[in-house]
C-alpha cells in the first residue's frame, strides 16, 4: 500500500486495500484478543487510522505532501502489523 500511495498512480486500488485491511482487522481481532490484548488494541487503532484516511481520502490523494505523509505512516504501520503477526505464530 505504501508504494501505491507514494507513486500516486492508483487511488482506487489503495482504497480497496484499505477497506480489505479493515475487514480483516474486524474479523481477526475478536479471535486474537484472547491471545494478546495489547496487540489486539493496536490492530483496532490501525482500523481507526484506516477509517480516518478513507473518510478524507479525496483530500489526501490530491495533496502530494499529505499523501507522502500517509505513505510513510502506512509503512510504519505495516511493520507493526508484521510484528503482531509474528507474535501469533
N, C-alpha and C. Protein backbone atom coordinates (compact mmCIF):
# COMPACT_ATOMS: atom_id res chain seq x y z
N UNK A 1 0.83 -1.18 0.00
CA UNK A 1 0.00 0.00 0.00
C UNK A 1 0.89 1.25 0.00
N UNK A 2 1.97 1.19 0.76
CA UNK A 2 2.85 2.35 0.85
C UNK A 2 3.35 2.79 -0.52
N UNK A 3 3.79 1.85 -1.34
CA UNK A 3 4.33 2.22 -2.65
C UNK A 3 3.24 2.76 -3.57
N UNK A 4 2.04 2.20 -3.50
CA UNK A 4 0.94 2.73 -4.33
C UNK A 4 0.59 4.16 -3.93
N UNK A 5 0.61 4.43 -2.63
CA UNK A 5 0.31 5.78 -2.16
C UNK A 5 1.42 6.74 -2.59
N UNK A 6 2.67 6.30 -2.43
CA UNK A 6 3.81 7.16 -2.77
C UNK A 6 3.83 7.55 -4.24
N UNK A 7 3.55 6.59 -5.11
CA UNK A 7 3.60 6.88 -6.54
C UNK A 7 2.39 7.67 -7.02
N UNK A 8 1.29 7.56 -6.27
CA UNK A 8 0.09 8.31 -6.65
C UNK A 8 -0.54 7.83 -7.94
N UNK A 9 -0.42 6.52 -8.22
CA UNK A 9 -0.88 6.03 -9.51
C UNK A 9 -2.27 5.40 -9.53
N UNK A 10 -2.72 4.84 -8.41
CA UNK A 10 -3.99 4.13 -8.45
C UNK A 10 -4.77 4.27 -7.15
N UNK A 11 -5.49 5.34 -7.04
CA UNK A 11 -6.26 5.63 -5.84
C UNK A 11 -7.28 4.54 -5.53
N UNK A 12 -7.95 4.03 -6.55
CA UNK A 12 -8.98 3.00 -6.34
C UNK A 12 -8.39 1.74 -5.71
N UNK A 13 -7.20 1.37 -6.15
CA UNK A 13 -6.55 0.19 -5.60
C UNK A 13 -6.19 0.40 -4.12
N UNK A 14 -5.71 1.60 -3.79
CA UNK A 14 -5.37 1.90 -2.41
C UNK A 14 -6.61 1.86 -1.53
N UNK A 15 -7.69 2.45 -2.00
CA UNK A 15 -8.94 2.43 -1.24
C UNK A 15 -9.40 0.99 -1.03
N UNK A 16 -9.30 0.18 -2.05
CA UNK A 16 -9.69 -1.22 -1.94
C UNK A 16 -8.83 -1.95 -0.90
N UNK A 17 -7.54 -1.71 -0.90
CA UNK A 17 -6.65 -2.34 0.08
C UNK A 17 -6.96 -1.87 1.50
N UNK A 18 -7.26 -0.60 1.65
CA UNK A 18 -7.61 -0.10 2.98
C UNK A 18 -8.90 -0.75 3.49
N UNK A 19 -9.87 -0.87 2.62
CA UNK A 19 -11.14 -1.49 3.02
C UNK A 19 -10.94 -2.96 3.38
N UNK A 20 -10.17 -3.68 2.55
CA UNK A 20 -9.89 -5.09 2.83
C UNK A 20 -9.15 -5.24 4.16
N UNK A 21 -8.23 -4.33 4.43
CA UNK A 21 -7.49 -4.37 5.69
C UNK A 21 -8.42 -4.16 6.87
N UNK A 22 -9.35 -3.23 6.74
CA UNK A 22 -10.32 -3.02 7.82
C UNK A 22 -11.16 -4.26 8.06
N UNK A 23 -11.62 -4.91 6.98
CA UNK A 23 -12.43 -6.12 7.13
C UNK A 23 -11.63 -7.22 7.83
N UNK A 24 -10.37 -7.35 7.44
CA UNK A 24 -9.51 -8.36 8.06
C UNK A 24 -9.35 -8.08 9.56
N UNK A 25 -9.12 -6.82 9.90
CA UNK A 25 -8.97 -6.45 11.31
C UNK A 25 -10.25 -6.77 12.08
N UNK A 26 -11.40 -6.44 11.52
CA UNK A 26 -12.67 -6.73 12.17
C UNK A 26 -12.88 -8.22 12.36
N UNK A 27 -12.34 -9.01 11.45
CA UNK A 27 -12.51 -10.45 11.51
C UNK A 27 -11.55 -11.09 12.51
N UNK A 28 -10.29 -10.62 12.55
CA UNK A 28 -9.26 -11.28 13.34
C UNK A 28 -9.23 -10.85 14.80
N UNK A 29 -9.55 -9.61 15.10
CA UNK A 29 -9.40 -9.10 16.47
C UNK A 29 -10.22 -9.90 17.49
N UNK A 30 -11.48 -10.21 17.23
CA UNK A 30 -12.22 -10.97 18.25
C UNK A 30 -11.56 -12.31 18.59
N UNK A 31 -10.91 -12.94 17.63
CA UNK A 31 -10.24 -14.21 17.88
C UNK A 31 -8.89 -14.00 18.56
N UNK A 32 -8.25 -12.90 18.28
CA UNK A 32 -6.90 -12.63 18.75
C UNK A 32 -6.87 -12.01 20.15
N UNK A 33 -7.96 -11.40 20.57
CA UNK A 33 -7.99 -10.68 21.84
C UNK A 33 -7.71 -11.61 23.02
N UNK A 34 -8.11 -12.85 22.93
CA UNK A 34 -7.82 -13.81 24.00
C UNK A 34 -6.36 -14.21 24.08
N UNK A 35 -5.63 -13.99 23.00
CA UNK A 35 -4.21 -14.33 22.95
C UNK A 35 -3.34 -13.16 23.39
N UNK A 36 -3.67 -11.97 22.87
CA UNK A 36 -2.84 -10.79 23.17
C UNK A 36 -3.70 -9.53 23.09
N UNK A 37 -4.10 -9.04 24.24
CA UNK A 37 -4.99 -7.88 24.31
C UNK A 37 -4.31 -6.63 23.76
N UNK A 38 -3.03 -6.43 24.10
CA UNK A 38 -2.32 -5.23 23.63
C UNK A 38 -2.20 -5.21 22.11
N UNK A 39 -1.84 -6.33 21.53
CA UNK A 39 -1.73 -6.40 20.07
C UNK A 39 -3.09 -6.20 19.42
N UNK A 40 -4.13 -6.74 20.05
CA UNK A 40 -5.49 -6.54 19.52
C UNK A 40 -5.85 -5.07 19.53
N UNK A 41 -5.48 -4.37 20.60
CA UNK A 41 -5.75 -2.93 20.69
C UNK A 41 -5.01 -2.17 19.60
N UNK A 42 -3.77 -2.58 19.31
CA UNK A 42 -3.01 -1.94 18.23
C UNK A 42 -3.71 -2.13 16.88
N UNK A 43 -4.25 -3.33 16.66
CA UNK A 43 -4.97 -3.58 15.41
C UNK A 43 -6.24 -2.74 15.32
N UNK A 44 -6.94 -2.59 16.43
CA UNK A 44 -8.14 -1.75 16.44
C UNK A 44 -7.75 -0.31 16.13
N UNK A 45 -6.65 0.16 16.72
CA UNK A 45 -6.16 1.52 16.42
C UNK A 45 -5.84 1.67 14.93
N UNK A 46 -5.24 0.64 14.35
CA UNK A 46 -4.94 0.68 12.92
C UNK A 46 -6.23 0.79 12.11
N UNK A 47 -7.25 0.06 12.52
CA UNK A 47 -8.55 0.15 11.84
C UNK A 47 -9.12 1.56 11.90
N UNK A 48 -8.92 2.23 13.03
CA UNK A 48 -9.39 3.62 13.17
C UNK A 48 -8.61 4.55 12.24
N UNK A 49 -7.31 4.34 12.14
CA UNK A 49 -6.49 5.15 11.23
C UNK A 49 -6.96 4.97 9.79
N UNK A 50 -7.17 3.72 9.41
CA UNK A 50 -7.64 3.45 8.04
C UNK A 50 -8.99 4.11 7.77
N UNK A 51 -9.87 4.07 8.76
CA UNK A 51 -11.19 4.70 8.61
C UNK A 51 -11.06 6.21 8.42
N UNK A 52 -10.18 6.85 9.21
CA UNK A 52 -9.96 8.30 9.05
C UNK A 52 -9.42 8.61 7.67
N UNK A 53 -8.47 7.80 7.21
CA UNK A 53 -7.92 8.02 5.87
C UNK A 53 -8.99 7.87 4.80
N UNK A 54 -9.80 6.84 4.91
CA UNK A 54 -10.86 6.63 3.92
C UNK A 54 -11.84 7.79 3.91
N UNK A 55 -12.17 8.29 5.08
CA UNK A 55 -13.11 9.41 5.18
C UNK A 55 -12.57 10.66 4.49
N UNK A 56 -11.24 10.86 4.54
CA UNK A 56 -10.61 12.06 3.97
C UNK A 56 -9.82 11.76 2.70
N UNK A 57 -10.05 10.61 2.08
CA UNK A 57 -9.18 10.15 1.02
C UNK A 57 -9.09 11.09 -0.18
N UNK A 58 -10.17 11.65 -0.61
CA UNK A 58 -10.13 12.55 -1.79
C UNK A 58 -9.20 13.72 -1.54
N UNK A 59 -9.26 14.28 -0.35
CA UNK A 59 -8.38 15.40 0.01
C UNK A 59 -6.93 14.94 0.12
N UNK A 60 -6.70 13.79 0.75
CA UNK A 60 -5.35 13.26 0.91
C UNK A 60 -4.72 12.99 -0.45
N UNK A 61 -5.48 12.37 -1.34
CA UNK A 61 -4.94 11.91 -2.62
C UNK A 61 -4.44 13.06 -3.49
N UNK A 62 -5.10 14.19 -3.46
CA UNK A 62 -4.71 15.30 -4.34
C UNK A 62 -3.60 16.18 -3.73
N UNK A 63 -3.31 16.00 -2.46
CA UNK A 63 -2.28 16.77 -1.78
C UNK A 63 -1.01 15.92 -1.67
N UNK A 64 -0.01 16.20 -2.50
CA UNK A 64 1.20 15.37 -2.57
C UNK A 64 1.91 15.27 -1.22
N UNK A 65 1.96 16.37 -0.50
CA UNK A 65 2.64 16.36 0.80
C UNK A 65 1.90 15.47 1.80
N UNK A 66 0.60 15.62 1.85
CA UNK A 66 -0.20 14.80 2.76
C UNK A 66 -0.16 13.34 2.35
N UNK A 67 -0.19 13.07 1.06
CA UNK A 67 -0.11 11.70 0.55
C UNK A 67 1.22 11.06 0.94
N UNK A 68 2.31 11.82 0.86
CA UNK A 68 3.62 11.32 1.25
C UNK A 68 3.65 10.98 2.74
N UNK A 69 3.04 11.84 3.55
CA UNK A 69 2.98 11.58 4.99
C UNK A 69 2.19 10.30 5.28
N UNK A 70 1.07 10.13 4.60
CA UNK A 70 0.25 8.94 4.79
C UNK A 70 1.03 7.70 4.35
N UNK A 71 1.78 7.80 3.26
CA UNK A 71 2.58 6.67 2.79
C UNK A 71 3.62 6.26 3.83
N UNK A 72 4.26 7.24 4.45
CA UNK A 72 5.25 6.93 5.48
C UNK A 72 4.59 6.28 6.69
N UNK A 73 3.47 6.81 7.10
CA UNK A 73 2.74 6.22 8.24
C UNK A 73 2.30 4.80 7.90
N UNK A 74 1.82 4.60 6.67
CA UNK A 74 1.39 3.27 6.24
C UNK A 74 2.55 2.28 6.32
N UNK A 75 3.73 2.71 5.93
CA UNK A 75 4.90 1.84 6.01
C UNK A 75 5.22 1.47 7.45
N UNK A 76 5.15 2.44 8.34
CA UNK A 76 5.41 2.18 9.76
C UNK A 76 4.37 1.24 10.35
N UNK A 77 3.11 1.47 9.99
CA UNK A 77 2.04 0.61 10.49
C UNK A 77 2.19 -0.81 9.95
N UNK A 78 2.64 -0.93 8.73
CA UNK A 78 2.85 -2.25 8.14
C UNK A 78 3.89 -3.03 8.94
N UNK A 79 4.94 -2.37 9.36
CA UNK A 79 5.94 -3.02 10.20
C UNK A 79 5.33 -3.49 11.51
N UNK A 80 4.49 -2.66 12.10
CA UNK A 80 3.83 -3.03 13.34
C UNK A 80 2.93 -4.24 13.18
N UNK A 81 2.23 -4.31 12.06
CA UNK A 81 1.36 -5.45 11.80
C UNK A 81 2.19 -6.71 11.63
N UNK A 82 3.33 -6.60 10.97
CA UNK A 82 4.22 -7.77 10.83
C UNK A 82 4.67 -8.29 12.20
N UNK A 83 4.98 -7.36 13.10
CA UNK A 83 5.39 -7.76 14.46
C UNK A 83 4.25 -8.48 15.17
N UNK A 84 3.04 -7.95 15.06
CA UNK A 84 1.87 -8.59 15.69
C UNK A 84 1.67 -9.98 15.09
N UNK A 85 1.80 -10.08 13.78
CA UNK A 85 1.61 -11.37 13.12
C UNK A 85 2.64 -12.39 13.59
N UNK A 86 3.85 -11.95 13.84
CA UNK A 86 4.87 -12.88 14.30
C UNK A 86 4.59 -13.37 15.72
N UNK A 87 3.88 -12.56 16.52
CA UNK A 87 3.52 -12.98 17.87
C UNK A 87 2.48 -14.08 17.86
N UNK A 88 1.64 -14.10 16.83
CA UNK A 88 0.56 -15.06 16.80
C UNK A 88 1.00 -16.44 16.31
N UNK A 89 2.24 -16.56 15.90
CA UNK A 89 2.71 -17.85 15.38
C UNK A 89 3.32 -18.70 16.44
